Protein backbone atom coordinates (compact mmCIF):
# COMPACT_ATOMS: atom_id res chain seq x y z
CA UNK A 1 0.17 -5.91 58.21
CA UNK A 2 -1.50 -3.19 57.22
CA UNK A 3 2.34 -1.66 56.66
CA UNK A 4 2.57 -4.71 54.30
CA UNK A 5 -0.28 -3.72 52.19
CA UNK A 6 0.21 -0.51 52.05
CA UNK A 7 3.62 -1.46 50.55
CA UNK A 8 2.46 -4.17 48.50
CA UNK A 9 -0.36 -2.25 46.62
CA UNK A 10 2.36 0.96 45.95
CA UNK A 11 4.54 -1.85 44.19
CA UNK A 12 1.32 -3.16 42.37
CA UNK A 13 0.30 0.42 41.20
CA UNK A 14 4.29 1.36 40.41
CA UNK A 15 4.26 -1.43 37.90
CA UNK A 16 1.30 -0.70 36.67
CA UNK A 17 1.89 2.76 36.38
CA UNK A 18 5.53 1.57 34.67
CA UNK A 19 4.57 -1.28 32.35
CA UNK A 20 0.79 0.26 31.16
CA UNK A 21 2.27 2.25 28.74
CA UNK A 22 5.10 -0.46 27.42
CA UNK A 23 0.98 -3.04 27.38
CA UNK A 24 -0.68 -0.20 25.16
CA UNK A 25 2.28 0.25 23.12
CA UNK A 26 2.44 -3.11 22.19
CA UNK A 27 -0.77 -3.43 21.13
CA UNK A 28 -0.23 0.05 19.06
CA UNK A 29 2.10 -1.72 17.99
CA UNK A 30 0.17 -4.92 16.39
CA UNK A 31 -2.28 -2.91 15.00
CA UNK A 32 0.68 -0.50 13.19
CA UNK A 33 2.11 -4.11 12.00
CA UNK A 34 -0.99 -5.14 10.53
CA UNK A 35 -1.94 -2.08 8.70
CA UNK A 36 1.78 -1.80 7.39
CA UNK A 37 1.10 -5.14 6.41
CA UNK A 38 -1.99 -4.22 4.66
CA UNK A 39 -0.29 -1.24 3.61
CA UNK A 40 2.50 -3.13 1.92
CA UNK A 41 0.00 -6.08 0.31
CA UNK A 42 -2.26 -3.02 -1.42
CA UNK A 43 1.36 -1.99 -2.64
CA UNK A 44 2.35 -5.15 -4.28
CA UNK A 45 -1.03 -5.90 -5.70
CA UNK A 46 -0.45 -2.64 -7.07
CA UNK A 47 2.56 -3.04 -8.56
CA UNK A 48 1.71 -6.61 -9.88
CA UNK A 49 -1.48 -4.94 -11.84
CA UNK A 50 1.31 -2.75 -13.54
CA UNK A 51 4.42 -5.28 -14.41
CA UNK A 52 0.45 -7.34 -15.99
CA UNK A 53 -1.00 -4.45 -18.32
CA UNK A 54 3.04 -3.09 -18.98
CA UNK A 55 4.10 -6.59 -19.96
CA UNK A 56 1.16 -7.09 -21.78
CA UNK A 57 1.93 -3.67 -24.23
CA UNK A 58 4.98 -4.82 -24.75
CA UNK A 59 4.86 -8.16 -26.10
CA UNK A 60 1.82 -6.95 -28.65
CA UNK A 61 4.04 -5.70 -30.98
CA UNK A 62 0.82 -3.21 -32.33
CA UNK A 63 1.41 -0.42 -29.51
CA UNK A 64 4.49 1.41 -29.52
CA UNK A 65 5.36 1.34 -25.94
CA UNK A 66 8.68 3.71 -26.38
CA UNK A 67 6.60 6.69 -24.29
CA UNK A 68 3.79 5.08 -22.82
CA UNK A 69 3.55 4.82 -18.74
CA UNK A 70 1.19 2.26 -16.98
CA UNK A 71 0.42 3.90 -12.99
CA UNK A 72 -2.19 2.12 -10.92
CA UNK A 73 -4.21 2.79 -8.01
CA UNK A 74 -5.33 0.44 -6.05
CA UNK A 75 -7.38 2.74 -3.54
CA UNK A 76 -9.62 3.77 -6.10
CA UNK A 77 -9.02 0.25 -8.61
CA UNK A 78 -7.76 2.75 -11.76
CA UNK A 79 -5.24 1.82 -14.49
CA UNK A 80 -4.08 4.73 -15.75
CA UNK A 81 -2.45 4.89 -19.42
CA UNK A 82 0.01 7.96 -19.77
CA UNK A 83 2.24 9.09 -22.50
CA UNK A 84 2.00 9.16 -26.43
CA UNK A 85 1.85 6.47 -28.84
CA UNK A 86 2.21 7.37 -32.72
CA UNK A 87 -1.75 6.53 -34.06
CA UNK A 88 -5.48 6.93 -32.43
CA UNK A 89 -5.39 2.74 -33.72
CA UNK A 90 -2.61 1.91 -31.19
CA UNK A 91 -4.46 4.16 -28.17
CA UNK A 92 -7.08 2.54 -29.00
CA UNK A 93 -5.52 -1.16 -28.41
CA UNK A 94 -3.26 -0.05 -25.52
CA UNK A 95 -6.83 0.67 -23.77
CA UNK A 96 -8.22 -2.68 -24.60
CA UNK A 97 -4.99 -4.45 -23.56
CA UNK A 98 -5.02 -3.02 -20.64
CA UNK A 99 -9.12 -3.97 -20.17
CA UNK A 100 -8.37 -7.52 -20.68
CA UNK A 101 -4.96 -7.28 -18.01
CA UNK A 102 -6.53 -5.36 -15.29
CA UNK A 103 -10.51 -7.15 -15.05
CA UNK A 104 -11.96 -5.35 -12.03
CA UNK A 105 -9.91 -2.25 -12.45
CA UNK A 106 -11.31 1.20 -14.27
CA UNK A 107 -8.81 2.10 -16.97
CA UNK A 108 -8.09 5.64 -17.58
CA UNK A 109 -6.78 6.52 -20.95
CA UNK A 110 -4.76 9.77 -20.78
CA UNK A 111 -2.53 8.65 -24.14
CA UNK A 112 -1.85 11.17 -26.58
CA UNK A 113 -1.24 11.38 -29.83
CA UNK A 114 2.27 12.24 -31.60
CA UNK A 115 2.86 11.08 -35.09
CA UNK A 116 6.29 9.99 -35.57
CA UNK A 117 8.90 12.10 -37.53
C-alpha cells in the first residue's frame, strides 16, 4: 500500500511538473490576448480619428489638403497636423476643423505656410 501511495505521489508530482508550465502559459496567453486586443482597439480608434479629421479637411474646400497629413496618438490623445498649406488663413481653418472633429483630443498644428507658385 505504501508503495502504491509513493507511486501515485510520484505520478501526481510528475503531472504537476509537466502540466504546470502549460497552465501558467495559458494564463499568460489570455492576459497577452487581452492586452493585444486593447492595443488593437486603441490603434483602430486612432485610425478612425485620423480618417474623420482628414475627411473633414478634404470635404472643406477652403483648405488645400494636397500637402497636409494628420497623425493621431491615442496614448496622449493628440492629433497632429503636418505638412504645408498656401496661407495662414488655411492653417487656422485646418486647426478649427480638426478641433471640431477630434473632440477630446489636443490639436498640435505643425502646418507651415508655403505660398503656391
